[in-house]
All heavy atoms as atom14 arrays in JSON, in Angstrom:
{
  "sequence": "TKLIAGFALGGVAGFVGSVAPAMVPAILAVAAAWVIVDVVQVTREQ",
  "atom14_mask": [
    [1, 1, 1, 1, 1, 1, 1, 0, 0, 0, 0, 0, 0, 0],
    [1, 1, 1, 1, 1, 1, 1, 1, 1, 0, 0, 0, 0, 0],
    [1, 1, 1, 1, 1, 1, 1, 1, 0, 0, 0, 0, 0, 0],
    [1, 1, 1, 1, 1, 1, 1, 1, 0, 0, 0, 0, 0, 0],
    [1, 1, 1, 1, 1, 0, 0, 0, 0, 0, 0, 0, 0, 0],
    [1, 1, 1, 1, 0, 0, 0, 0, 0, 0, 0, 0, 0, 0],
    [1, 1, 1, 1, 1, 1, 1, 1, 1, 1, 1, 0, 0, 0],
    [1, 1, 1, 1, 1, 0, 0, 0, 0, 0, 0, 0, 0, 0],
    [1, 1, 1, 1, 1, 1, 1, 1, 0, 0, 0, 0, 0, 0],
    [1, 1, 1, 1, 0, 0, 0, 0, 0, 0, 0, 0, 0, 0],
    [1, 1, 1, 1, 0, 0, 0, 0, 0, 0, 0, 0, 0, 0],
    [1, 1, 1, 1, 1, 1, 1, 0, 0, 0, 0, 0, 0, 0],
    [1, 1, 1, 1, 1, 0, 0, 0, 0, 0, 0, 0, 0, 0],
    [1, 1, 1, 1, 0, 0, 0, 0, 0, 0, 0, 0, 0, 0],
    [1, 1, 1, 1, 1, 1, 1, 1, 1, 1, 1, 0, 0, 0],
    [1, 1, 1, 1, 1, 1, 1, 0, 0, 0, 0, 0, 0, 0],
    [1, 1, 1, 1, 0, 0, 0, 0, 0, 0, 0, 0, 0, 0],
    [1, 1, 1, 1, 1, 1, 0, 0, 0, 0, 0, 0, 0, 0],
    [1, 1, 1, 1, 1, 1, 1, 0, 0, 0, 0, 0, 0, 0],
    [1, 1, 1, 1, 1, 0, 0, 0, 0, 0, 0, 0, 0, 0],
    [1, 1, 1, 1, 1, 1, 1, 0, 0, 0, 0, 0, 0, 0],
    [1, 1, 1, 1, 1, 0, 0, 0, 0, 0, 0, 0, 0, 0],
    [1, 1, 1, 1, 1, 1, 1, 1, 0, 0, 0, 0, 0, 0],
    [1, 1, 1, 1, 1, 1, 1, 0, 0, 0, 0, 0, 0, 0],
    [1, 1, 1, 1, 1, 1, 1, 0, 0, 0, 0, 0, 0, 0],
    [1, 1, 1, 1, 1, 0, 0, 0, 0, 0, 0, 0, 0, 0],
    [1, 1, 1, 1, 1, 1, 1, 1, 0, 0, 0, 0, 0, 0],
    [1, 1, 1, 1, 1, 1, 1, 1, 0, 0, 0, 0, 0, 0],
    [1, 1, 1, 1, 1, 0, 0, 0, 0, 0, 0, 0, 0, 0],
    [1, 1, 1, 1, 1, 1, 1, 0, 0, 0, 0, 0, 0, 0],
    [1, 1, 1, 1, 1, 0, 0, 0, 0, 0, 0, 0, 0, 0],
    [1, 1, 1, 1, 1, 0, 0, 0, 0, 0, 0, 0, 0, 0],
    [1, 1, 1, 1, 1, 0, 0, 0, 0, 0, 0, 0, 0, 0],
    [1, 1, 1, 1, 1, 1, 1, 1, 1, 1, 1, 1, 1, 1],
    [1, 1, 1, 1, 1, 1, 1, 0, 0, 0, 0, 0, 0, 0],
    [1, 1, 1, 1, 1, 1, 1, 1, 0, 0, 0, 0, 0, 0],
    [1, 1, 1, 1, 1, 1, 1, 0, 0, 0, 0, 0, 0, 0],
    [1, 1, 1, 1, 1, 1, 1, 1, 0, 0, 0, 0, 0, 0],
    [1, 1, 1, 1, 1, 1, 1, 0, 0, 0, 0, 0, 0, 0],
    [1, 1, 1, 1, 1, 1, 1, 0, 0, 0, 0, 0, 0, 0],
    [1, 1, 1, 1, 1, 1, 1, 1, 1, 0, 0, 0, 0, 0],
    [1, 1, 1, 1, 1, 1, 1, 0, 0, 0, 0, 0, 0, 0],
    [1, 1, 1, 1, 1, 1, 1, 0, 0, 0, 0, 0, 0, 0],
    [1, 1, 1, 1, 1, 1, 1, 1, 1, 1, 1, 0, 0, 0],
    [1, 1, 1, 1, 1, 1, 1, 1, 1, 0, 0, 0, 0, 0],
    [1, 1, 1, 1, 1, 1, 1, 1, 1, 0, 0, 0, 0, 0]
  ],
  "atom14_positions": [
    [[52.22, -8.07, 9.44], [52.4, -8.5, 10.75], [53.85, -8.75, 10.99], [54.48, -8.41, 12.11], [51.69, -9.82, 10.92], [50.27, -9.85, 10.54], [51.76, -10.43, 12.38], [0.0, 0.0, 0.0], [0.0, 0.0, 0.0], [0.0, 0.0, 0.0], [0.0, 0.0, 0.0], [0.0, 0.0, 0.0], [0.0, 0.0, 0.0], [0.0, 0.0, 0.0]],
    [[54.54, -9.31, 9.99], [56.08, -9.46, 10.18], [56.82, -8.08, 10.31], [57.64, -8.0, 11.05], [56.56, -10.26, 8.92], [56.18, -11.71, 8.86], [56.82, -12.43, 7.75], [56.34, -13.79, 7.68], [56.89, -14.52, 6.41], [0.0, 0.0, 0.0], [0.0, 0.0, 0.0], [0.0, 0.0, 0.0], [0.0, 0.0, 0.0], [0.0, 0.0, 0.0]],
    [[56.32, -7.11, 9.49], [56.84, -5.79, 9.5], [56.7, -5.19, 10.92], [57.66, -4.65, 11.62], [56.27, -4.85, 8.47], [56.86, -3.52, 8.27], [58.27, -3.78, 7.61], [56.05, -2.73, 7.41], [0.0, 0.0, 0.0], [0.0, 0.0, 0.0], [0.0, 0.0, 0.0], [0.0, 0.0, 0.0], [0.0, 0.0, 0.0], [0.0, 0.0, 0.0]],
    [[55.39, -5.34, 11.48], [55.16, -4.69, 12.82], [56.03, -5.56, 13.83], [56.61, -4.9, 14.71], [53.62, -4.9, 13.12], [52.87, -3.94, 12.18], [53.4, -4.53, 14.58], [51.4, -4.15, 12.23], [0.0, 0.0, 0.0], [0.0, 0.0, 0.0], [0.0, 0.0, 0.0], [0.0, 0.0, 0.0], [0.0, 0.0, 0.0], [0.0, 0.0, 0.0]],
    [[56.04, -6.85, 13.77], [56.84, -7.66, 14.67], [58.32, -7.21, 14.59], [58.96, -7.04, 15.61], [56.73, -9.07, 14.4], [0.0, 0.0, 0.0], [0.0, 0.0, 0.0], [0.0, 0.0, 0.0], [0.0, 0.0, 0.0], [0.0, 0.0, 0.0], [0.0, 0.0, 0.0], [0.0, 0.0, 0.0], [0.0, 0.0, 0.0], [0.0, 0.0, 0.0]],
    [[58.76, -6.96, 13.44], [60.24, -6.57, 13.31], [60.54, -5.2, 13.91], [61.45, -5.09, 14.58], [0.0, 0.0, 0.0], [0.0, 0.0, 0.0], [0.0, 0.0, 0.0], [0.0, 0.0, 0.0], [0.0, 0.0, 0.0], [0.0, 0.0, 0.0], [0.0, 0.0, 0.0], [0.0, 0.0, 0.0], [0.0, 0.0, 0.0], [0.0, 0.0, 0.0]],
    [[59.56, -4.22, 13.71], [59.74, -3.02, 14.22], [59.71, -3.1, 15.89], [60.45, -2.44, 16.53], [58.63, -2.01, 13.84], [59.04, -1.27, 12.61], [58.13, -1.34, 11.5], [60.2, -0.49, 12.45], [58.52, -0.68, 10.37], [60.54, 0.12, 11.39], [59.7, 0.04, 10.19], [0.0, 0.0, 0.0], [0.0, 0.0, 0.0], [0.0, 0.0, 0.0]],
    [[58.76, -3.91, 16.41], [58.58, -4.17, 17.76], [59.8, -4.73, 18.33], [60.34, -4.22, 19.39], [57.45, -5.06, 18.11], [0.0, 0.0, 0.0], [0.0, 0.0, 0.0], [0.0, 0.0, 0.0], [0.0, 0.0, 0.0], [0.0, 0.0, 0.0], [0.0, 0.0, 0.0], [0.0, 0.0, 0.0], [0.0, 0.0, 0.0], [0.0, 0.0, 0.0]],
    [[60.4, -5.78, 17.69], [61.67, -6.46, 18.21], [62.8, -5.45, 18.13], [63.56, -5.38, 19.07], [61.89, -7.62, 17.35], [61.03, -8.85, 17.61], [61.34, -10.03, 16.6], [61.21, -9.39, 19.07], [0.0, 0.0, 0.0], [0.0, 0.0, 0.0], [0.0, 0.0, 0.0], [0.0, 0.0, 0.0], [0.0, 0.0, 0.0], [0.0, 0.0, 0.0]],
    [[62.83, -4.65, 17.1], [64.06, -3.66, 16.93], [63.81, -2.61, 18.01], [64.86, -2.26, 18.63], [0.0, 0.0, 0.0], [0.0, 0.0, 0.0], [0.0, 0.0, 0.0], [0.0, 0.0, 0.0], [0.0, 0.0, 0.0], [0.0, 0.0, 0.0], [0.0, 0.0, 0.0], [0.0, 0.0, 0.0], [0.0, 0.0, 0.0], [0.0, 0.0, 0.0]],
    [[62.58, -2.23, 18.38], [62.43, -1.18, 19.36], [62.83, -1.76, 20.79], [63.56, -1.17, 21.46], [0.0, 0.0, 0.0], [0.0, 0.0, 0.0], [0.0, 0.0, 0.0], [0.0, 0.0, 0.0], [0.0, 0.0, 0.0], [0.0, 0.0, 0.0], [0.0, 0.0, 0.0], [0.0, 0.0, 0.0], [0.0, 0.0, 0.0], [0.0, 0.0, 0.0]],
    [[62.39, -3.04, 20.98], [62.75, -3.66, 22.3], [64.28, -3.81, 22.42], [64.8, -3.55, 23.42], [62.03, -5.03, 22.34], [62.52, -5.87, 23.54], [60.53, -4.9, 22.55], [0.0, 0.0, 0.0], [0.0, 0.0, 0.0], [0.0, 0.0, 0.0], [0.0, 0.0, 0.0], [0.0, 0.0, 0.0], [0.0, 0.0, 0.0], [0.0, 0.0, 0.0]],
    [[64.81, -4.21, 21.34], [66.31, -4.5, 21.26], [67.16, -3.14, 21.54], [67.91, -3.09, 22.27], [66.79, -5.03, 19.91], [0.0, 0.0, 0.0], [0.0, 0.0, 0.0], [0.0, 0.0, 0.0], [0.0, 0.0, 0.0], [0.0, 0.0, 0.0], [0.0, 0.0, 0.0], [0.0, 0.0, 0.0], [0.0, 0.0, 0.0], [0.0, 0.0, 0.0]],
    [[66.56, -2.08, 20.96], [67.27, -0.76, 21.1], [67.04, -0.31, 22.6], [67.99, 0.16, 23.18], [0.0, 0.0, 0.0], [0.0, 0.0, 0.0], [0.0, 0.0, 0.0], [0.0, 0.0, 0.0], [0.0, 0.0, 0.0], [0.0, 0.0, 0.0], [0.0, 0.0, 0.0], [0.0, 0.0, 0.0], [0.0, 0.0, 0.0], [0.0, 0.0, 0.0]],
    [[65.83, -0.59, 23.08], [65.49, -0.04, 24.5], [66.42, -0.87, 25.43], [67.12, -0.39, 26.37], [63.99, -0.36, 24.8], [63.71, -0.07, 26.21], [63.52, 1.23, 26.65], [63.43, -1.02, 27.21], [63.16, 1.51, 27.89], [63.11, -0.88, 28.4], [63.05, 0.48, 28.87], [0.0, 0.0, 0.0], [0.0, 0.0, 0.0], [0.0, 0.0, 0.0]],
    [[66.42, -2.22, 25.2], [67.3, -3.11, 26.02], [68.73, -2.74, 25.95], [69.51, -2.67, 26.93], [67.16, -4.53, 25.7], [68.23, -5.48, 26.37], [65.75, -4.99, 26.08], [0.0, 0.0, 0.0], [0.0, 0.0, 0.0], [0.0, 0.0, 0.0], [0.0, 0.0, 0.0], [0.0, 0.0, 0.0], [0.0, 0.0, 0.0], [0.0, 0.0, 0.0]],
    [[69.17, -2.34, 24.74], [70.65, -1.98, 24.55], [70.99, -0.64, 25.29], [72.05, -0.56, 25.79], [0.0, 0.0, 0.0], [0.0, 0.0, 0.0], [0.0, 0.0, 0.0], [0.0, 0.0, 0.0], [0.0, 0.0, 0.0], [0.0, 0.0, 0.0], [0.0, 0.0, 0.0], [0.0, 0.0, 0.0], [0.0, 0.0, 0.0], [0.0, 0.0, 0.0]],
    [[69.96, 0.22, 25.39], [70.2, 1.56, 25.98], [70.08, 1.38, 27.54], [70.75, 2.11, 28.3], [69.14, 2.56, 25.57], [67.9, 2.23, 25.82], [0.0, 0.0, 0.0], [0.0, 0.0, 0.0], [0.0, 0.0, 0.0], [0.0, 0.0, 0.0], [0.0, 0.0, 0.0], [0.0, 0.0, 0.0], [0.0, 0.0, 0.0], [0.0, 0.0, 0.0]],
    [[69.26, 0.48, 28.05], [69.03, 0.29, 29.44], [69.84, -0.78, 30.07], [70.22, -0.81, 31.26], [67.47, 0.0, 29.73], [67.25, -0.21, 31.15], [66.68, 1.18, 29.17], [0.0, 0.0, 0.0], [0.0, 0.0, 0.0], [0.0, 0.0, 0.0], [0.0, 0.0, 0.0], [0.0, 0.0, 0.0], [0.0, 0.0, 0.0], [0.0, 0.0, 0.0]],
    [[70.39, -1.67, 29.16], [71.1, -2.88, 29.64], [72.19, -2.66, 30.63], [72.36, -3.25, 31.75], [71.55, -3.63, 28.49], [0.0, 0.0, 0.0], [0.0, 0.0, 0.0], [0.0, 0.0, 0.0], [0.0, 0.0, 0.0], [0.0, 0.0, 0.0], [0.0, 0.0, 0.0], [0.0, 0.0, 0.0], [0.0, 0.0, 0.0], [0.0, 0.0, 0.0]],
    [[73.11, -1.63, 30.36], [74.2, -1.49, 31.26], [73.78, -1.32, 32.77], [74.47, -1.79, 33.69], [74.89, -0.14, 30.84], [74.56, -0.26, 29.28], [73.12, -0.81, 29.17], [0.0, 0.0, 0.0], [0.0, 0.0, 0.0], [0.0, 0.0, 0.0], [0.0, 0.0, 0.0], [0.0, 0.0, 0.0], [0.0, 0.0, 0.0], [0.0, 0.0, 0.0]],
    [[72.66, -0.68, 32.92], [72.28, -0.47, 34.32], [71.45, -1.61, 34.89], [71.56, -1.82, 36.1], [71.37, 0.86, 34.46], [0.0, 0.0, 0.0], [0.0, 0.0, 0.0], [0.0, 0.0, 0.0], [0.0, 0.0, 0.0], [0.0, 0.0, 0.0], [0.0, 0.0, 0.0], [0.0, 0.0, 0.0], [0.0, 0.0, 0.0], [0.0, 0.0, 0.0]],
    [[70.87, -2.35, 33.92], [69.97, -3.43, 34.29], [70.71, -4.76, 34.59], [70.12, -5.46, 35.32], [68.81, -3.59, 33.28], [67.81, -2.41, 33.27], [66.85, -2.26, 34.91], [65.94, -3.8, 34.81], [0.0, 0.0, 0.0], [0.0, 0.0, 0.0], [0.0, 0.0, 0.0], [0.0, 0.0, 0.0], [0.0, 0.0, 0.0], [0.0, 0.0, 0.0]],
    [[71.72, -4.91, 33.83], [72.38, -6.28, 33.8], [72.63, -6.73, 35.28], [72.24, -7.92, 35.58], [73.61, -6.29, 32.94], [74.51, -7.53, 33.24], [73.19, -6.2, 31.45], [0.0, 0.0, 0.0], [0.0, 0.0, 0.0], [0.0, 0.0, 0.0], [0.0, 0.0, 0.0], [0.0, 0.0, 0.0], [0.0, 0.0, 0.0], [0.0, 0.0, 0.0]],
    [[73.3, -5.92, 36.18], [73.52, -6.48, 37.57], [72.29, -6.77, 38.31], [72.23, -7.81, 38.88], [74.26, -5.3, 38.17], [74.73, -4.52, 37.03], [73.72, -4.67, 35.81], [0.0, 0.0, 0.0], [0.0, 0.0, 0.0], [0.0, 0.0, 0.0], [0.0, 0.0, 0.0], [0.0, 0.0, 0.0], [0.0, 0.0, 0.0], [0.0, 0.0, 0.0]],
    [[71.2, -6.09, 38.04], [69.93, -6.34, 38.68], [69.36, -7.7, 38.23], [68.94, -8.54, 38.98], [68.98, -5.21, 38.54], [0.0, 0.0, 0.0], [0.0, 0.0, 0.0], [0.0, 0.0, 0.0], [0.0, 0.0, 0.0], [0.0, 0.0, 0.0], [0.0, 0.0, 0.0], [0.0, 0.0, 0.0], [0.0, 0.0, 0.0], [0.0, 0.0, 0.0]],
    [[69.41, -7.78, 36.9], [68.84, -9.05, 36.18], [69.68, -10.29, 36.75], [69.06, -11.26, 37.19], [68.83, -8.9, 34.71], [67.81, -7.8, 34.32], [68.52, -10.22, 34.08], [68.02, -7.49, 32.86], [0.0, 0.0, 0.0], [0.0, 0.0, 0.0], [0.0, 0.0, 0.0], [0.0, 0.0, 0.0], [0.0, 0.0, 0.0], [0.0, 0.0, 0.0]],
    [[70.98, -10.11, 36.76], [71.74, -11.22, 37.26], [71.47, -11.55, 38.7], [71.34, -12.68, 39.11], [73.25, -10.89, 37.04], [73.8, -10.82, 35.58], [75.21, -10.45, 35.54], [73.6, -12.24, 34.85], [0.0, 0.0, 0.0], [0.0, 0.0, 0.0], [0.0, 0.0, 0.0], [0.0, 0.0, 0.0], [0.0, 0.0, 0.0], [0.0, 0.0, 0.0]],
    [[71.27, -10.53, 39.51], [71.0, -10.77, 40.95], [69.67, -11.56, 41.06], [69.6, -12.48, 41.83], [70.9, -9.44, 41.64], [0.0, 0.0, 0.0], [0.0, 0.0, 0.0], [0.0, 0.0, 0.0], [0.0, 0.0, 0.0], [0.0, 0.0, 0.0], [0.0, 0.0, 0.0], [0.0, 0.0, 0.0], [0.0, 0.0, 0.0], [0.0, 0.0, 0.0]],
    [[68.61, -11.01, 40.34], [67.21, -11.71, 40.42], [67.4, -13.17, 39.93], [66.93, -14.14, 40.54], [66.39, -10.95, 39.55], [65.04, -11.76, 39.36], [66.01, -9.67, 40.21], [0.0, 0.0, 0.0], [0.0, 0.0, 0.0], [0.0, 0.0, 0.0], [0.0, 0.0, 0.0], [0.0, 0.0, 0.0], [0.0, 0.0, 0.0], [0.0, 0.0, 0.0]],
    [[68.11, -13.31, 38.76], [68.34, -14.73, 38.24], [69.15, -15.6, 39.27], [68.63, -16.81, 39.55], [69.12, -14.75, 36.92], [0.0, 0.0, 0.0], [0.0, 0.0, 0.0], [0.0, 0.0, 0.0], [0.0, 0.0, 0.0], [0.0, 0.0, 0.0], [0.0, 0.0, 0.0], [0.0, 0.0, 0.0], [0.0, 0.0, 0.0], [0.0, 0.0, 0.0]],
    [[70.07, -15.14, 40.01], [70.82, -15.85, 40.97], [69.88, -16.23, 42.13], [70.01, -17.35, 42.64], [72.1, -15.04, 41.41], [0.0, 0.0, 0.0], [0.0, 0.0, 0.0], [0.0, 0.0, 0.0], [0.0, 0.0, 0.0], [0.0, 0.0, 0.0], [0.0, 0.0, 0.0], [0.0, 0.0, 0.0], [0.0, 0.0, 0.0], [0.0, 0.0, 0.0]],
    [[69.1, -15.3, 42.55], [68.17, -15.49, 43.58], [67.2, -16.6, 43.23], [67.03, -17.56, 44.0], [67.47, -14.23, 43.92], [0.0, 0.0, 0.0], [0.0, 0.0, 0.0], [0.0, 0.0, 0.0], [0.0, 0.0, 0.0], [0.0, 0.0, 0.0], [0.0, 0.0, 0.0], [0.0, 0.0, 0.0], [0.0, 0.0, 0.0], [0.0, 0.0, 0.0]],
    [[66.74, -16.57, 41.98], [65.69, -17.72, 41.56], [66.5, -18.98, 41.52], [65.83, -19.95, 42.05], [65.26, -17.29, 40.07], [64.16, -16.36, 40.09], [63.49, -15.74, 41.17], [63.49, -15.92, 38.9], [62.55, -14.94, 40.73], [62.44, -15.05, 39.39], [63.5, -16.29, 37.58], [61.63, -14.44, 38.4], [62.74, -15.57, 36.72], [61.75, -14.66, 37.12]],
    [[67.72, -19.03, 41.13], [68.41, -20.34, 40.96], [68.57, -20.88, 42.5], [68.45, -22.04, 42.75], [69.79, -20.16, 40.37], [70.63, -21.41, 40.55], [69.47, -19.86, 38.86], [0.0, 0.0, 0.0], [0.0, 0.0, 0.0], [0.0, 0.0, 0.0], [0.0, 0.0, 0.0], [0.0, 0.0, 0.0], [0.0, 0.0, 0.0], [0.0, 0.0, 0.0]],
    [[68.96, -19.92, 43.35], [69.23, -20.39, 44.75], [67.96, -20.95, 45.39], [67.97, -22.05, 46.06], [69.88, -19.07, 45.56], [71.28, -18.89, 45.13], [69.76, -19.49, 46.99], [71.8, -17.52, 45.63], [0.0, 0.0, 0.0], [0.0, 0.0, 0.0], [0.0, 0.0, 0.0], [0.0, 0.0, 0.0], [0.0, 0.0, 0.0], [0.0, 0.0, 0.0]],
    [[66.84, -20.21, 45.18], [65.62, -20.67, 45.7], [65.21, -22.02, 45.07], [64.8, -22.95, 45.93], [64.42, -19.6, 45.42], [63.07, -20.17, 45.7], [64.67, -18.33, 46.28], [0.0, 0.0, 0.0], [0.0, 0.0, 0.0], [0.0, 0.0, 0.0], [0.0, 0.0, 0.0], [0.0, 0.0, 0.0], [0.0, 0.0, 0.0], [0.0, 0.0, 0.0]],
    [[65.4, -22.29, 43.71], [65.12, -23.51, 43.23], [65.85, -24.57, 43.8], [65.43, -25.72, 44.11], [65.34, -23.48, 41.66], [64.19, -22.75, 40.98], [63.18, -22.58, 41.66], [64.3, -22.37, 39.78], [0.0, 0.0, 0.0], [0.0, 0.0, 0.0], [0.0, 0.0, 0.0], [0.0, 0.0, 0.0], [0.0, 0.0, 0.0], [0.0, 0.0, 0.0]],
    [[67.23, -24.36, 43.98], [68.09, -25.34, 44.57], [67.63, -25.77, 45.96], [67.58, -26.91, 46.37], [69.55, -24.79, 44.45], [70.45, -25.79, 45.34], [70.13, -24.78, 43.07], [0.0, 0.0, 0.0], [0.0, 0.0, 0.0], [0.0, 0.0, 0.0], [0.0, 0.0, 0.0], [0.0, 0.0, 0.0], [0.0, 0.0, 0.0], [0.0, 0.0, 0.0]],
    [[67.37, -24.81, 46.73], [66.99, -25.01, 48.16], [65.7, -25.79, 48.09], [65.58, -26.73, 48.9], [66.76, -23.6, 48.91], [66.05, -23.82, 50.24], [68.03, -22.92, 49.03], [0.0, 0.0, 0.0], [0.0, 0.0, 0.0], [0.0, 0.0, 0.0], [0.0, 0.0, 0.0], [0.0, 0.0, 0.0], [0.0, 0.0, 0.0], [0.0, 0.0, 0.0]],
    [[64.72, -25.49, 47.34], [63.47, -26.21, 47.25], [63.71, -27.6, 46.9], [63.19, -28.59, 47.43], [62.5, -25.63, 46.23], [61.82, -24.31, 46.83], [60.87, -23.73, 45.91], [60.85, -23.95, 44.78], [60.12, -22.8, 46.37], [0.0, 0.0, 0.0], [0.0, 0.0, 0.0], [0.0, 0.0, 0.0], [0.0, 0.0, 0.0], [0.0, 0.0, 0.0]],
    [[64.59, -27.91, 45.94], [64.79, -29.36, 45.27], [65.49, -30.07, 46.51], [65.18, -31.2, 46.67], [65.64, -29.21, 44.13], [66.14, -30.52, 43.73], [64.83, -28.69, 42.87], [0.0, 0.0, 0.0], [0.0, 0.0, 0.0], [0.0, 0.0, 0.0], [0.0, 0.0, 0.0], [0.0, 0.0, 0.0], [0.0, 0.0, 0.0], [0.0, 0.0, 0.0]],
    [[66.58, -29.48, 47.1], [67.1, -30.19, 48.11], [66.27, -30.61, 49.34], [66.41, -31.58, 49.85], [68.43, -29.37, 48.68], [67.97, -28.04, 49.02], [69.52, -29.33, 47.67], [0.0, 0.0, 0.0], [0.0, 0.0, 0.0], [0.0, 0.0, 0.0], [0.0, 0.0, 0.0], [0.0, 0.0, 0.0], [0.0, 0.0, 0.0], [0.0, 0.0, 0.0]],
    [[65.38, -29.67, 49.6], [64.4, -29.83, 50.73], [63.51, -31.1, 50.31], [63.17, -31.89, 51.1], [63.48, -28.71, 51.01], [64.23, -27.67, 51.88], [63.25, -26.54, 52.23], [63.95, -25.46, 53.0], [63.34, -24.27, 53.25], [62.18, -23.99, 52.62], [63.95, -23.39, 53.99], [0.0, 0.0, 0.0], [0.0, 0.0, 0.0], [0.0, 0.0, 0.0]],
    [[62.98, -30.99, 49.09], [62.11, -32.09, 48.62], [62.88, -33.46, 48.63], [62.26, -34.48, 48.91], [61.56, -31.79, 47.22], [60.56, -30.71, 47.14], [60.26, -30.29, 45.75], [60.66, -30.9, 44.77], [59.39, -29.29, 45.62], [0.0, 0.0, 0.0], [0.0, 0.0, 0.0], [0.0, 0.0, 0.0], [0.0, 0.0, 0.0], [0.0, 0.0, 0.0]],
    [[64.18, -33.43, 48.21], [64.9, -34.78, 48.13], [65.19, -35.29, 49.54], [65.09, -36.42, 49.78], [66.15, -34.51, 47.4], [65.99, -34.38, 45.86], [67.31, -34.12, 45.15], [68.22, -33.81, 45.71], [67.25, -34.16, 43.83], [0.0, 0.0, 0.0], [0.0, 0.0, 0.0], [0.0, 0.0, 0.0], [0.0, 0.0, 0.0], [0.0, 0.0, 0.0]]
  ]
}
């Protein structure tokens, strides 16, 4: 199980490493949008 998990994590890490340069801006944009929505909801509730 540990061996399979290790291979899986290695594969995911390699895939992320190869795709990351194109994906990072999109991920950051999504994360920023989530944060903004959370802040707006919290301020509305308060």
